[in-house]
């Protein structure tokens, strides 16, 4: 990048200086950014936990209904579908997550 006496290349700014332009309305500290992100993670985790609990309750209804109509508590073909869906979306860790969800959802009937 060619510079004129009035211009400083961004990569030559001192490390404690940020360029001032219309896109930089305020600066945040790394600590503030981390704190905000952690708050968002906590809120997301709360939603995930609520959804897992809801999933467990719905699964219990399915299991109770299946057992009441003479079926088995666990439907292995259905579990394989779920494992495949999670694996396709998240890779190998998705399979582990699905296994954990299935274990939680087999529950206490």
N, C-alpha and C. Protein backbone atom coordinates (compact mmCIF):
# COMPACT_ATOMS: atom_id res chain seq x y z
N UNK A 1 0.85 -1.18 0.00
CA UNK A 1 0.00 0.00 0.00
C UNK A 1 0.89 1.23 0.00
N UNK A 2 0.60 2.16 -0.87
CA UNK A 2 1.35 3.41 -0.95
C UNK A 2 0.74 4.40 0.02
N UNK A 3 1.58 5.11 0.74
CA UNK A 3 1.06 6.10 1.69
C UNK A 3 1.54 7.48 1.31
N UNK A 4 0.71 8.43 1.62
CA UNK A 4 1.08 9.83 1.45
C UNK A 4 1.36 10.36 2.84
N UNK A 5 1.93 11.54 2.98
CA UNK A 5 2.21 12.06 4.32
C UNK A 5 0.97 12.14 5.20
N UNK A 6 -0.25 12.26 4.64
CA UNK A 6 -1.46 12.36 5.44
C UNK A 6 -2.02 10.99 5.83
N UNK A 7 -1.55 9.93 5.24
CA UNK A 7 -2.15 8.62 5.41
C UNK A 7 -1.18 7.67 6.07
N UNK A 8 -1.72 6.85 6.97
CA UNK A 8 -0.91 5.83 7.62
C UNK A 8 -1.53 4.49 7.27
N UNK A 9 -0.74 3.55 6.82
CA UNK A 9 -1.24 2.21 6.53
C UNK A 9 -1.71 1.57 7.83
N UNK A 10 -2.87 0.89 7.82
CA UNK A 10 -3.41 0.30 9.06
C UNK A 10 -2.43 -0.63 9.75
N UNK A 11 -1.59 -1.34 8.99
CA UNK A 11 -0.67 -2.27 9.63
C UNK A 11 0.52 -1.58 10.29
N UNK A 12 0.62 -0.28 10.13
CA UNK A 12 1.72 0.45 10.78
C UNK A 12 1.26 1.22 12.01
N UNK A 13 -0.01 1.10 12.36
CA UNK A 13 -0.51 1.78 13.56
C UNK A 13 0.05 1.12 14.80
N UNK A 14 0.33 1.88 15.84
CA UNK A 14 0.75 1.27 17.10
C UNK A 14 -0.33 0.32 17.59
N UNK A 15 0.05 -0.70 18.34
CA UNK A 15 -0.90 -1.72 18.77
C UNK A 15 -2.01 -1.18 19.66
N UNK A 16 -1.78 -0.07 20.35
CA UNK A 16 -2.82 0.48 21.23
C UNK A 16 -3.69 1.52 20.52
N UNK A 17 -3.54 1.64 19.22
CA UNK A 17 -4.30 2.62 18.45
C UNK A 17 -5.25 1.89 17.51
N UNK A 18 -6.48 2.37 17.44
CA UNK A 18 -7.42 1.80 16.48
C UNK A 18 -7.76 2.87 15.47
N UNK A 19 -7.95 2.47 14.22
CA UNK A 19 -8.30 3.48 13.23
C UNK A 19 -9.65 4.09 13.55
N UNK A 20 -9.78 5.38 13.36
CA UNK A 20 -11.06 6.01 13.62
C UNK A 20 -11.73 6.30 12.29
N UNK A 21 -12.81 5.60 12.07
CA UNK A 21 -13.63 5.85 10.89
C UNK A 21 -15.08 5.65 11.28
N UNK A 22 -15.96 5.79 10.32
CA UNK A 22 -17.39 5.74 10.63
C UNK A 22 -17.84 4.35 11.04
N UNK A 23 -17.06 3.29 10.74
CA UNK A 23 -17.48 1.95 11.13
C UNK A 23 -17.08 1.61 12.55
N UNK A 24 -16.21 2.38 13.17
CA UNK A 24 -15.80 2.13 14.54
C UNK A 24 -16.44 3.19 15.43
N UNK A 25 -17.67 2.87 15.90
CA UNK A 25 -18.38 3.85 16.71
C UNK A 25 -17.94 3.80 18.16
N UNK A 26 -17.51 2.64 18.63
CA UNK A 26 -17.02 2.52 19.98
C UNK A 26 -16.10 1.31 20.05
N UNK A 27 -15.27 1.30 21.06
CA UNK A 27 -14.40 0.16 21.23
C UNK A 27 -14.85 -0.61 22.46
N UNK A 28 -14.72 -1.93 22.38
CA UNK A 28 -15.03 -2.75 23.54
C UNK A 28 -13.78 -3.50 23.92
N UNK A 29 -13.67 -3.78 25.17
CA UNK A 29 -12.51 -4.51 25.65
C UNK A 29 -12.72 -5.99 25.39
N UNK A 30 -11.64 -6.73 25.31
CA UNK A 30 -11.80 -8.18 25.16
C UNK A 30 -12.60 -8.79 26.30
N UNK A 31 -12.42 -8.26 27.50
CA UNK A 31 -13.15 -8.78 28.66
C UNK A 31 -14.66 -8.58 28.48
N UNK A 32 -15.05 -7.41 27.97
CA UNK A 32 -16.48 -7.13 27.75
C UNK A 32 -17.03 -8.03 26.66
N UNK A 33 -16.26 -8.23 25.60
CA UNK A 33 -16.70 -9.12 24.52
C UNK A 33 -16.89 -10.53 25.04
N UNK A 34 -15.95 -11.01 25.84
CA UNK A 34 -16.05 -12.36 26.41
C UNK A 34 -17.24 -12.46 27.35
N UNK A 35 -17.44 -11.46 28.20
CA UNK A 35 -18.56 -11.48 29.13
C UNK A 35 -19.89 -11.52 28.38
N UNK A 36 -20.02 -10.71 27.33
CA UNK A 36 -21.24 -10.71 26.53
C UNK A 36 -21.45 -12.06 25.86
N UNK A 37 -20.40 -12.62 25.31
CA UNK A 37 -20.51 -13.93 24.64
C UNK A 37 -20.89 -15.01 25.64
N UNK A 38 -20.34 -14.96 26.82
CA UNK A 38 -20.67 -15.96 27.85
C UNK A 38 -22.13 -15.84 28.28
N UNK A 39 -22.63 -14.63 28.38
CA UNK A 39 -24.05 -14.44 28.69
C UNK A 39 -24.92 -15.07 27.62
N UNK A 40 -24.55 -14.86 26.36
CA UNK A 40 -25.30 -15.46 25.25
C UNK A 40 -25.23 -16.98 25.31
N UNK A 41 -24.03 -17.52 25.61
CA UNK A 41 -23.88 -18.98 25.72
C UNK A 41 -24.76 -19.51 26.84
N UNK A 42 -24.78 -18.84 27.98
CA UNK A 42 -25.63 -19.27 29.09
C UNK A 42 -27.10 -19.28 28.70
N UNK A 43 -27.53 -18.25 27.98
CA UNK A 43 -28.93 -18.18 27.54
C UNK A 43 -29.23 -19.31 26.55
N UNK A 44 -28.30 -19.58 25.65
CA UNK A 44 -28.49 -20.68 24.69
C UNK A 44 -28.54 -22.01 25.43
N UNK A 45 -27.63 -22.20 26.39
CA UNK A 45 -27.63 -23.43 27.18
C UNK A 45 -28.95 -23.62 27.92
N UNK A 46 -29.50 -22.54 28.47
CA UNK A 46 -30.80 -22.62 29.14
C UNK A 46 -31.88 -23.11 28.18
N UNK A 47 -31.85 -22.58 26.95
CA UNK A 47 -32.83 -23.01 25.95
C UNK A 47 -32.62 -24.48 25.57
N UNK A 48 -31.36 -24.87 25.40
CA UNK A 48 -31.06 -26.27 25.06
C UNK A 48 -31.55 -27.20 26.17
N UNK A 49 -31.26 -26.86 27.42
CA UNK A 49 -31.71 -27.69 28.54
C UNK A 49 -33.23 -27.80 28.57
N UNK A 50 -33.91 -26.70 28.34
CA UNK A 50 -35.37 -26.73 28.28
C UNK A 50 -35.88 -27.62 27.16
N UNK A 51 -35.24 -27.55 26.01
CA UNK A 51 -35.64 -28.40 24.88
C UNK A 51 -35.36 -29.88 25.16
N UNK A 52 -34.26 -30.16 25.83
CA UNK A 52 -33.97 -31.56 26.19
C UNK A 52 -35.02 -32.08 27.14
N UNK A 53 -35.40 -31.29 28.13
CA UNK A 53 -36.44 -31.71 29.06
C UNK A 53 -37.77 -31.92 28.34
N UNK A 54 -38.08 -31.05 27.40
CA UNK A 54 -39.30 -31.20 26.61
C UNK A 54 -39.23 -32.48 25.78
N UNK A 55 -38.07 -32.74 25.18
CA UNK A 55 -37.90 -33.95 24.38
C UNK A 55 -38.10 -35.19 25.24
N UNK A 56 -37.55 -35.18 26.45
CA UNK A 56 -37.71 -36.31 27.37
C UNK A 56 -39.17 -36.56 27.69
N UNK A 57 -39.93 -35.49 27.92
CA UNK A 57 -41.35 -35.62 28.24
C UNK A 57 -42.14 -36.19 27.06
N UNK A 58 -41.85 -35.70 25.86
CA UNK A 58 -42.55 -36.20 24.67
C UNK A 58 -42.19 -37.66 24.42
N UNK A 59 -40.93 -38.00 24.60
CA UNK A 59 -40.50 -39.38 24.43
C UNK A 59 -41.20 -40.30 25.42
N UNK A 60 -41.40 -39.83 26.65
CA UNK A 60 -42.10 -40.64 27.65
C UNK A 60 -43.53 -40.93 27.20
N UNK A 61 -44.18 -39.96 26.59
CA UNK A 61 -45.55 -40.17 26.08
C UNK A 61 -45.54 -41.24 24.99
N UNK A 62 -44.56 -41.15 24.08
CA UNK A 62 -44.46 -42.14 23.01
C UNK A 62 -44.24 -43.53 23.61
N UNK A 63 -43.32 -43.64 24.55
CA UNK A 63 -43.02 -44.94 25.15
C UNK A 63 -44.22 -45.51 25.90
N UNK A 64 -44.88 -44.68 26.69
CA UNK A 64 -46.05 -45.14 27.44
C UNK A 64 -47.15 -45.61 26.50
N UNK A 65 -47.37 -44.88 25.43
CA UNK A 65 -48.40 -45.24 24.46
C UNK A 65 -48.04 -46.54 23.75
N UNK A 66 -46.78 -46.67 23.36
CA UNK A 66 -46.34 -47.88 22.68
C UNK A 66 -46.50 -49.10 23.60
N UNK A 67 -46.07 -48.97 24.86
CA UNK A 67 -46.18 -50.08 25.82
C UNK A 67 -47.64 -50.42 26.08
N UNK A 68 -48.48 -49.40 26.23
CA UNK A 68 -49.91 -49.63 26.50
C UNK A 68 -50.59 -50.36 25.34
N UNK A 69 -50.06 -50.19 24.12
CA UNK A 69 -50.68 -50.86 22.98
C UNK A 69 -49.97 -52.18 22.64
N UNK A 70 -49.13 -52.66 23.58
CA UNK A 70 -48.49 -53.96 23.41
C UNK A 70 -47.13 -53.92 22.74
N UNK A 71 -46.61 -52.76 22.49
CA UNK A 71 -45.30 -52.64 21.85
C UNK A 71 -44.17 -52.59 22.84
N UNK A 72 -42.99 -52.44 22.30
CA UNK A 72 -41.79 -52.34 23.13
C UNK A 72 -41.53 -50.88 23.49
N UNK A 73 -40.82 -50.68 24.58
CA UNK A 73 -40.50 -49.32 25.02
C UNK A 73 -39.55 -48.63 24.03
N UNK A 74 -38.61 -49.37 23.47
CA UNK A 74 -37.61 -48.81 22.57
C UNK A 74 -37.89 -49.29 21.14
N UNK A 75 -37.80 -48.38 20.20
CA UNK A 75 -37.98 -48.68 18.77
C UNK A 75 -36.63 -48.45 18.10
N UNK A 76 -35.89 -49.54 17.89
CA UNK A 76 -34.51 -49.43 17.43
C UNK A 76 -34.38 -48.77 16.05
N UNK A 77 -35.29 -49.05 15.14
CA UNK A 77 -35.21 -48.42 13.81
C UNK A 77 -35.34 -46.90 13.93
N UNK A 78 -36.22 -46.47 14.80
CA UNK A 78 -36.39 -45.03 15.01
C UNK A 78 -35.12 -44.43 15.62
N UNK A 79 -34.51 -45.14 16.56
CA UNK A 79 -33.29 -44.63 17.16
C UNK A 79 -32.17 -44.52 16.12
N UNK A 80 -32.10 -45.46 15.19
CA UNK A 80 -31.09 -45.40 14.13
C UNK A 80 -31.32 -44.18 13.23
N UNK A 81 -32.59 -43.84 12.97
CA UNK A 81 -32.89 -42.62 12.19
C UNK A 81 -32.36 -41.38 12.91
N UNK A 82 -32.60 -41.33 14.20
CA UNK A 82 -32.16 -40.18 15.01
C UNK A 82 -30.63 -40.10 15.01
N UNK A 83 -29.97 -41.23 15.23
CA UNK A 83 -28.50 -41.25 15.21
C UNK A 83 -27.97 -40.75 13.87
N UNK A 84 -28.58 -41.20 12.79
CA UNK A 84 -28.15 -40.77 11.46
C UNK A 84 -28.34 -39.28 11.24
N UNK A 85 -29.47 -38.76 11.70
CA UNK A 85 -29.74 -37.32 11.53
C UNK A 85 -28.69 -36.48 12.26
N UNK A 86 -28.38 -36.85 13.48
CA UNK A 86 -27.38 -36.10 14.25
C UNK A 86 -25.98 -36.26 13.67
N UNK A 87 -25.65 -37.48 13.22
CA UNK A 87 -24.34 -37.72 12.60
C UNK A 87 -24.20 -36.89 11.33
N UNK A 88 -25.24 -36.86 10.51
CA UNK A 88 -25.19 -36.10 9.27
C UNK A 88 -25.01 -34.60 9.53
N UNK A 89 -25.64 -34.12 10.58
CA UNK A 89 -25.58 -32.69 10.88
C UNK A 89 -24.29 -32.29 11.60
N UNK A 90 -23.77 -33.17 12.46
CA UNK A 90 -22.68 -32.76 13.35
C UNK A 90 -21.45 -33.67 13.29
N UNK A 91 -21.45 -34.67 12.44
CA UNK A 91 -20.33 -35.59 12.39
C UNK A 91 -20.35 -36.56 13.56
N UNK A 92 -19.20 -37.19 13.81
CA UNK A 92 -19.12 -38.20 14.87
C UNK A 92 -19.58 -37.67 16.23
N UNK A 93 -19.21 -36.44 16.62
CA UNK A 93 -19.72 -35.95 17.91
C UNK A 93 -21.25 -35.90 17.95
N UNK A 94 -21.88 -35.72 16.79
CA UNK A 94 -23.34 -35.72 16.73
C UNK A 94 -23.92 -37.06 17.12
N UNK A 95 -23.23 -38.13 16.72
CA UNK A 95 -23.68 -39.47 17.10
C UNK A 95 -23.62 -39.62 18.62
N UNK A 96 -22.53 -39.15 19.21
CA UNK A 96 -22.41 -39.23 20.68
C UNK A 96 -23.50 -38.41 21.37
N UNK A 97 -23.77 -37.24 20.82
CA UNK A 97 -24.82 -36.39 21.40
C UNK A 97 -26.17 -37.08 21.29
N UNK A 98 -26.45 -37.66 20.13
CA UNK A 98 -27.73 -38.36 19.94
C UNK A 98 -27.85 -39.54 20.90
N UNK A 99 -26.75 -40.27 21.08
CA UNK A 99 -26.79 -41.40 22.02
C UNK A 99 -27.13 -40.93 23.43
N UNK A 100 -26.56 -39.81 23.82
CA UNK A 100 -26.84 -39.25 25.15
C UNK A 100 -28.30 -38.84 25.25
N UNK A 101 -28.81 -38.18 24.21
CA UNK A 101 -30.22 -37.77 24.22
C UNK A 101 -31.13 -38.98 24.27
N UNK A 102 -30.81 -40.02 23.50
CA UNK A 102 -31.63 -41.23 23.52
C UNK A 102 -31.60 -41.87 24.90
N UNK A 103 -30.43 -41.92 25.50
CA UNK A 103 -30.32 -42.50 26.84
C UNK A 103 -31.16 -41.70 27.84
N UNK A 104 -31.07 -40.38 27.76
CA UNK A 104 -31.88 -39.55 28.66
C UNK A 104 -33.37 -39.75 28.40
N UNK A 105 -33.73 -39.93 27.14
CA UNK A 105 -35.13 -40.00 26.78
C UNK A 105 -35.75 -41.38 27.01
N UNK A 106 -34.92 -42.38 27.14
CA UNK A 106 -35.47 -43.72 27.47
C UNK A 106 -36.06 -43.69 28.85
N UNK A 107 -35.50 -42.87 29.66
CA UNK A 107 -36.06 -42.44 30.93
C UNK A 107 -36.48 -43.46 31.93
N UNK A 108 -37.34 -42.97 32.76
CA UNK A 108 -37.77 -43.67 33.97
C UNK A 108 -39.26 -43.99 33.89
N UNK A 109 -39.58 -44.99 33.13
CA UNK A 109 -41.01 -45.35 33.01
C UNK A 109 -41.30 -46.48 33.96
